[in-house]
Structures are given as C-alpha cells and as structure tokens.
C-alpha cells in the first residue's frame, strides 16, 4: 500500500459512499485510476467490507456491555470461540493478555437481555469459569476507523493507473 492507497482508505473509512470521481479529485487521480485502486484495495483484503453503521439507540439496542471471560486451564477454546462469535448480540471478541482470557463487547436491549445472554449463552459454555461484566453508562467515542499513517509532505500526484 502506498500513500495514495492509504489516503483512499482513510476517505472510505469516513464515507464509503464516495464516488470514484470524488475520491479521484481528493487524491489527484482520474476516475478510472481511483476505481482501479479501490478495486485493488477490495480484492487484496485491505477493505474487508462495506456496511452501514447503525445508531444502537434508534434500533432499540441501547445497552452496551463489556464482559471479561475466564476459561478453565487448558480448555479446547474452539467451541467457545465459535459459540460466542455466532451470537448476534456479540459485536467483538478479543483474546486478551492479563488476568482474563477474553473480552467480549455486547449490545442488547436492556439488563434482562444481558442477564439472559450471560446465563444461557456465555456462562453455560463448557470451560467458562467466571465472567465479569462492565456496563457502559455513556459512550464518548466509538469508531471502527483505523489511524493510517500517511506522508505529511505528500502532494497529490495525478496518475492514470
């Protein structure tokens, strides 16, 4: 990935509905060159998907919680990972260093839904020893955007490829 690819990726992270003409104008490329680069970013896996970001409040999923999960020593984690990742309420699953094994981000409609998920889907998994839940009171920042480094001195260069 060169600097132009990074700049295109940054633009698309902000608004993935930009046209190739808008992208090209922003980075100094022709429409066809911008299109080719966007296609390359998609096919190489740099861009993993294009989707809408929904407002959790407006879709009745206002409760955000983070759950630390501790597993028994030497478990077969394959089943746990598959089961937890399959839950639609689970937004993220991270294996972490430190006193816990996993950190799970959950979005649900309320405390009853959270309690049900914890009791029937997470704590009931084989090898789960304990969970610790932290409920979010207010979200100050939430983003899926990555801070990509770009050359501070780069000047848009017009190219046709």
C-alpha atoms as a PDB file:
ATOM      1  CA  UNK A   1       0.000   0.000   0.000  1.00  0.00           C
ATOM      2  CA  UNK A   2       1.401   3.351  -0.983  1.00  0.00           C
ATOM      3  CA  UNK A   3       0.467   6.774   0.347  1.00  0.00           C
ATOM      4  CA  UNK A   4      -2.328   7.260  -2.204  1.00  0.00           C
ATOM      5  CA  UNK A   5      -3.883   3.919  -1.216  1.00  0.00           C
ATOM      6  CA  UNK A   6      -3.730   4.996   2.440  1.00  0.00           C
ATOM      7  CA  UNK A   7      -5.408   8.298   1.642  1.00  0.00           C
ATOM      8  CA  UNK A   8      -8.130   6.490  -0.315  1.00  0.00           C
ATOM      9  CA  UNK A   9      -8.622   4.056   2.564  1.00  0.00           C
ATOM     10  CA  UNK A  10      -8.917   6.974   5.005  1.00  0.00           C
ATOM     11  CA  UNK A  11     -11.524   8.640   2.798  1.00  0.00           C
ATOM     12  CA  UNK A  12     -13.537   5.438   2.510  1.00  0.00           C
ATOM     13  CA  UNK A  13     -13.413   4.874   6.270  1.00  0.00           C
ATOM     14  CA  UNK A  14     -15.029   8.275   6.716  1.00  0.00           C
ATOM     15  CA  UNK A  15     -17.638   7.783   3.968  1.00  0.00           C
ATOM     16  CA  UNK A  16     -17.721   4.602   1.901  1.00  0.00           C
ATOM     17  CA  UNK A  17     -20.388   6.078  -0.370  1.00  0.00           C
ATOM     18  CA  UNK A  18     -17.950   8.458  -2.049  1.00  0.00           C
ATOM     19  CA  UNK A  19     -17.943   8.147  -5.814  1.00  0.00           C
ATOM     20  CA  UNK A  20     -14.755   7.313  -7.666  1.00  0.00           C
ATOM     21  CA  UNK A  21     -14.877  10.834  -9.093  1.00  0.00           C
ATOM     22  CA  UNK A  22     -14.908  12.312  -5.572  1.00  0.00           C
ATOM     23  CA  UNK A  23     -12.099  10.003  -4.458  1.00  0.00           C
ATOM     24  CA  UNK A  24     -10.049  10.807  -7.544  1.00  0.00           C
ATOM     25  CA  UNK A  25     -10.492  14.551  -7.036  1.00  0.00           C
ATOM     26  CA  UNK A  26      -9.463  14.275  -3.375  1.00  0.00           C
ATOM     27  CA  UNK A  27      -6.238  12.355  -4.090  1.00  0.00           C
ATOM     28  CA  UNK A  28      -5.354  13.681  -7.536  1.00  0.00           C
ATOM     29  CA  UNK A  29      -6.320  10.676  -9.676  1.00  0.00           C
ATOM     30  CA  UNK A  30      -8.541  10.194 -12.666  1.00  0.00           C
ATOM     31  CA  UNK A  31     -11.876   8.467 -12.082  1.00  0.00           C
ATOM     32  CA  UNK A  32     -10.642   5.244 -13.692  1.00  0.00           C
ATOM     33  CA  UNK A  33      -7.410   5.250 -11.661  1.00  0.00           C
ATOM     34  CA  UNK A  34      -9.360   5.820  -8.445  1.00  0.00           C
ATOM     35  CA  UNK A  35     -11.735   2.998  -9.379  1.00  0.00           C
ATOM     36  CA  UNK A  36      -8.814   0.666 -10.089  1.00  0.00           C
ATOM     37  CA  UNK A  37      -7.219   1.432  -6.722  1.00  0.00           C
ATOM     38  CA  UNK A  38     -10.488   0.951  -4.829  1.00  0.00           C
ATOM     39  CA  UNK A  39     -10.987  -2.387  -6.609  1.00  0.00           C
ATOM     40  CA  UNK A  40      -7.431  -3.392  -5.678  1.00  0.00           C
ATOM     41  CA  UNK A  41      -7.996  -2.441  -2.028  1.00  0.00           C
ATOM     42  CA  UNK A  42     -11.120  -4.618  -2.025  1.00  0.00           C
ATOM     43  CA  UNK A  43      -9.587  -7.616  -3.783  1.00  0.00           C
ATOM     44  CA  UNK A  44      -6.436  -7.564  -1.636  1.00  0.00           C
ATOM     45  CA  UNK A  45      -8.493  -7.674   1.561  1.00  0.00           C
ATOM     46  CA  UNK A  46      -7.440  -4.240   2.838  1.00  0.00           C
ATOM     47  CA  UNK A  47     -11.130  -3.313   2.683  1.00  0.00           C
ATOM     48  CA  UNK A  48     -12.935  -6.153   4.436  1.00  0.00           C
ATOM     49  CA  UNK A  49     -16.480  -4.935   3.903  1.00  0.00           C
ATOM     50  CA  UNK A  50     -18.836  -2.077   3.242  1.00  0.00           C
ATOM     51  CA  UNK A  51     -21.739  -1.668   5.609  1.00  0.00           C
ATOM     52  CA  UNK A  52     -23.994   0.849   7.294  1.00  0.00           C
ATOM     53  CA  UNK A  53     -23.213   1.966  10.841  1.00  0.00           C
ATOM     54  CA  UNK A  54     -26.479   1.908  12.789  1.00  0.00           C
ATOM     55  CA  UNK A  55     -27.363   4.021  15.808  1.00  0.00           C
ATOM     56  CA  UNK A  56     -27.900   1.490  18.642  1.00  0.00           C
ATOM     57  CA  UNK A  57     -30.423   3.755  20.400  1.00  0.00           C
ATOM     58  CA  UNK A  58     -32.592   4.031  17.288  1.00  0.00           C
ATOM     59  CA  UNK A  59     -32.681   0.252  16.782  1.00  0.00           C
ATOM     60  CA  UNK A  60     -33.571  -0.449  20.436  1.00  0.00           C
ATOM     61  CA  UNK A  61     -30.161  -1.779  21.474  1.00  0.00           C
ATOM     62  CA  UNK A  62     -29.084   0.928  23.918  1.00  0.00           C
ATOM     63  CA  UNK A  63     -27.197  -1.234  26.412  1.00  0.00           C
ATOM     64  CA  UNK A  64     -23.523  -1.773  25.708  1.00  0.00           C
ATOM     65  CA  UNK A  65     -21.537  -4.059  27.995  1.00  0.00           C
ATOM     66  CA  UNK A  66     -18.045  -5.480  28.057  1.00  0.00           C
ATOM     67  CA  UNK A  67     -17.662  -8.948  29.501  1.00  0.00           C
ATOM     68  CA  UNK A  68     -14.382 -10.435  30.649  1.00  0.00           C
ATOM     69  CA  UNK A  69     -14.474 -14.217  30.339  1.00  0.00           C
ATOM     70  CA  UNK A  70     -12.171 -16.570  32.229  1.00  0.00           C
ATOM     71  CA  UNK A  71     -11.753 -20.142  30.981  1.00  0.00           C
ATOM     72  CA  UNK A  72     -10.519 -23.232  32.776  1.00  0.00           C
ATOM     73  CA  UNK A  73      -6.843 -24.066  32.287  1.00  0.00           C
ATOM     74  CA  UNK A  74      -6.072 -25.852  29.005  1.00  0.00           C
ATOM     75  CA  UNK A  75      -9.576 -25.742  27.508  1.00  0.00           C
ATOM     76  CA  UNK A  76     -10.485 -26.553  23.953  1.00  0.00           C
ATOM     77  CA  UNK A  77     -11.282 -22.969  23.007  1.00  0.00           C
ATOM     78  CA  UNK A  78     -12.550 -23.767  19.507  1.00  0.00           C
ATOM     79  CA  UNK A  79     -16.087 -24.487  20.676  1.00  0.00           C
ATOM     80  CA  UNK A  80     -16.192 -21.433  22.942  1.00  0.00           C
ATOM     81  CA  UNK A  81     -14.938 -19.145  20.182  1.00  0.00           C
ATOM     82  CA  UNK A  82     -17.454 -20.490  17.654  1.00  0.00           C
ATOM     83  CA  UNK A  83     -20.390 -20.279  20.070  1.00  0.00           C
ATOM     84  CA  UNK A  84     -19.630 -16.766  21.272  1.00  0.00           C
ATOM     85  CA  UNK A  85     -18.874 -15.413  17.789  1.00  0.00           C
ATOM     86  CA  UNK A  86     -22.155 -16.835  16.459  1.00  0.00           C
ATOM     87  CA  UNK A  87     -24.271 -14.724  18.817  1.00  0.00           C
ATOM     88  CA  UNK A  88     -25.750 -11.678  17.038  1.00  0.00           C
ATOM     89  CA  UNK A  89     -25.612  -9.635  20.276  1.00  0.00           C
ATOM     90  CA  UNK A  90     -21.844 -10.055  20.359  1.00  0.00           C
ATOM     91  CA  UNK A  91     -20.087  -7.311  18.423  1.00  0.00           C
ATOM     92  CA  UNK A  92     -16.473  -8.113  19.245  1.00  0.00           C
ATOM     93  CA  UNK A  93     -14.474 -10.952  20.790  1.00  0.00           C
ATOM     94  CA  UNK A  94     -10.848 -10.394  21.746  1.00  0.00           C
ATOM     95  CA  UNK A  95      -8.425 -12.843  23.318  1.00  0.00           C
ATOM     96  CA  UNK A  96      -6.529 -10.675  25.799  1.00  0.00           C
ATOM     97  CA  UNK A  97      -3.390 -10.734  27.899  1.00  0.00           C
ATOM     98  CA  UNK A  98      -3.679 -10.219  31.636  1.00  0.00           C
ATOM     99  CA  UNK A  99      -5.917 -11.755  34.279  1.00  0.00           C
ATOM    100  CA  UNK A 100      -8.745 -12.632  31.868  1.00  0.00           C
ATOM    101  CA  UNK A 101      -8.886 -14.807  28.755  1.00  0.00           C
ATOM    102  CA  UNK A 102     -11.366 -12.916  26.571  1.00  0.00           C
ATOM    103  CA  UNK A 103     -13.015  -9.509  26.327  1.00  0.00           C
ATOM    104  CA  UNK A 104     -16.437  -9.538  24.667  1.00  0.00           C
ATOM    105  CA  UNK A 105     -18.404  -6.466  23.543  1.00  0.00           C
ATOM    106  CA  UNK A 106     -22.165  -6.904  23.636  1.00  0.00           C
ATOM    107  CA  UNK A 107     -25.134  -4.751  22.509  1.00  0.00           C
ATOM    108  CA  UNK A 108     -28.599  -5.641  23.840  1.00  0.00           C
ATOM    109  CA  UNK A 109     -31.981  -4.061  24.574  1.00  0.00           C
ATOM    110  CA  UNK A 110     -31.584  -3.951  28.348  1.00  0.00           C
ATOM    111  CA  UNK A 111     -30.459  -5.631  31.546  1.00  0.00           C
ATOM    112  CA  UNK A 112     -32.836  -8.589  31.198  1.00  0.00           C
ATOM    113  CA  UNK A 113     -31.488  -9.369  27.746  1.00  0.00           C
ATOM    114  CA  UNK A 114     -27.939  -9.045  29.085  1.00  0.00           C
ATOM    115  CA  UNK A 115     -28.694 -11.347  32.020  1.00  0.00           C
ATOM    116  CA  UNK A 116     -30.250 -13.935  29.714  1.00  0.00           C
ATOM    117  CA  UNK A 117     -27.302 -13.833  27.322  1.00  0.00           C
ATOM    118  CA  UNK A 118     -24.806 -14.184  30.163  1.00  0.00           C
ATOM    119  CA  UNK A 119     -26.701 -17.009  31.863  1.00  0.00           C
ATOM    120  CA  UNK A 120     -27.833 -19.074  28.892  1.00  0.00           C
ATOM    121  CA  UNK A 121     -25.203 -18.407  26.233  1.00  0.00           C
ATOM    122  CA  UNK A 122     -21.919 -17.410  27.836  1.00  0.00           C
ATOM    123  CA  UNK A 123     -21.709 -18.877  31.351  1.00  0.00           C
ATOM    124  CA  UNK A 124     -23.252 -22.140  30.150  1.00  0.00           C
ATOM    125  CA  UNK A 125     -20.374 -22.756  27.730  1.00  0.00           C
ATOM    126  CA  UNK A 126     -18.035 -25.594  28.693  1.00  0.00           C
ATOM    127  CA  UNK A 127     -14.817 -24.414  30.375  1.00  0.00           C
ATOM    128  CA  UNK A 128     -16.183 -20.955  31.318  1.00  0.00           C
ATOM    129  CA  UNK A 129     -15.138 -20.453  34.935  1.00  0.00           C
ATOM    130  CA  UNK A 130     -16.254 -16.899  35.521  1.00  0.00           C
ATOM    131  CA  UNK A 131     -17.339 -13.674  33.880  1.00  0.00           C
ATOM    132  CA  UNK A 132     -17.016 -10.057  34.910  1.00  0.00           C
ATOM    133  CA  UNK A 133     -19.393  -7.577  33.287  1.00  0.00           C
ATOM    134  CA  UNK A 134     -18.894  -3.843  32.880  1.00  0.00           C
ATOM    135  CA  UNK A 135     -21.934  -1.905  31.671  1.00  0.00           C
ATOM    136  CA  UNK A 136     -21.354   1.280  29.699  1.00  0.00           C
ATOM    137  CA  UNK A 137     -23.007   4.409  31.089  1.00  0.00           C
ATOM    138  CA  UNK A 138     -22.095   6.728  28.221  1.00  0.00           C
ATOM    139  CA  UNK A 139     -20.097   6.291  25.033  1.00  0.00           C
ATOM    140  CA  UNK A 140     -17.761   9.205  24.402  1.00  0.00           C
ATOM    141  CA  UNK A 141     -16.185   7.760  21.260  1.00  0.00           C
ATOM    142  CA  UNK A 142     -16.868   4.625  19.278  1.00  0.00           C
ATOM    143  CA  UNK A 143     -15.194   4.053  15.941  1.00  0.00           C
ATOM    144  CA  UNK A 144     -14.087   1.318  13.619  1.00  0.00           C
ATOM    145  CA  UNK A 145     -11.750   3.679  11.761  1.00  0.00           C
ATOM    146  CA  UNK A 146      -8.029   2.951  11.797  1.00  0.00           C
ATOM    147  CA  UNK A 147      -5.498   5.795  12.038  1.00  0.00           C
ATOM    148  CA  UNK A 148      -3.469   5.093   8.904  1.00  0.00           C
ATOM    149  CA  UNK A 149      -0.107   6.820   8.636  1.00  0.00           C
ATOM    150  CA  UNK A 150       0.351   8.912   5.512  1.00  0.00           C
ATOM    151  CA  UNK A 151       3.212  11.109   4.384  1.00  0.00           C
ATOM    152  CA  UNK A 152       2.771  14.550   5.862  1.00  0.00           C
ATOM    153  CA  UNK A 153       4.567  16.034   2.874  1.00  0.00           C
ATOM    154  CA  UNK A 154       2.756  14.125   0.171  1.00  0.00           C
ATOM    155  CA  UNK A 155       1.364  16.162  -2.673  1.00  0.00           C
ATOM    156  CA  UNK A 156      -1.419  14.698  -4.817  1.00  0.00           C
ATOM    157  CA  UNK A 157       0.087  13.255  -7.969  1.00  0.00           C
ATOM    158  CA  UNK A 158      -2.113  12.788 -10.989  1.00  0.00           C
ATOM    159  CA  UNK A 159      -1.763   9.358 -12.486  1.00  0.00           C
ATOM    160  CA  UNK A 160      -3.844   7.164 -14.745  1.00  0.00           C
ATOM    161  CA  UNK A 161      -3.124   3.765 -13.196  1.00  0.00           C
END
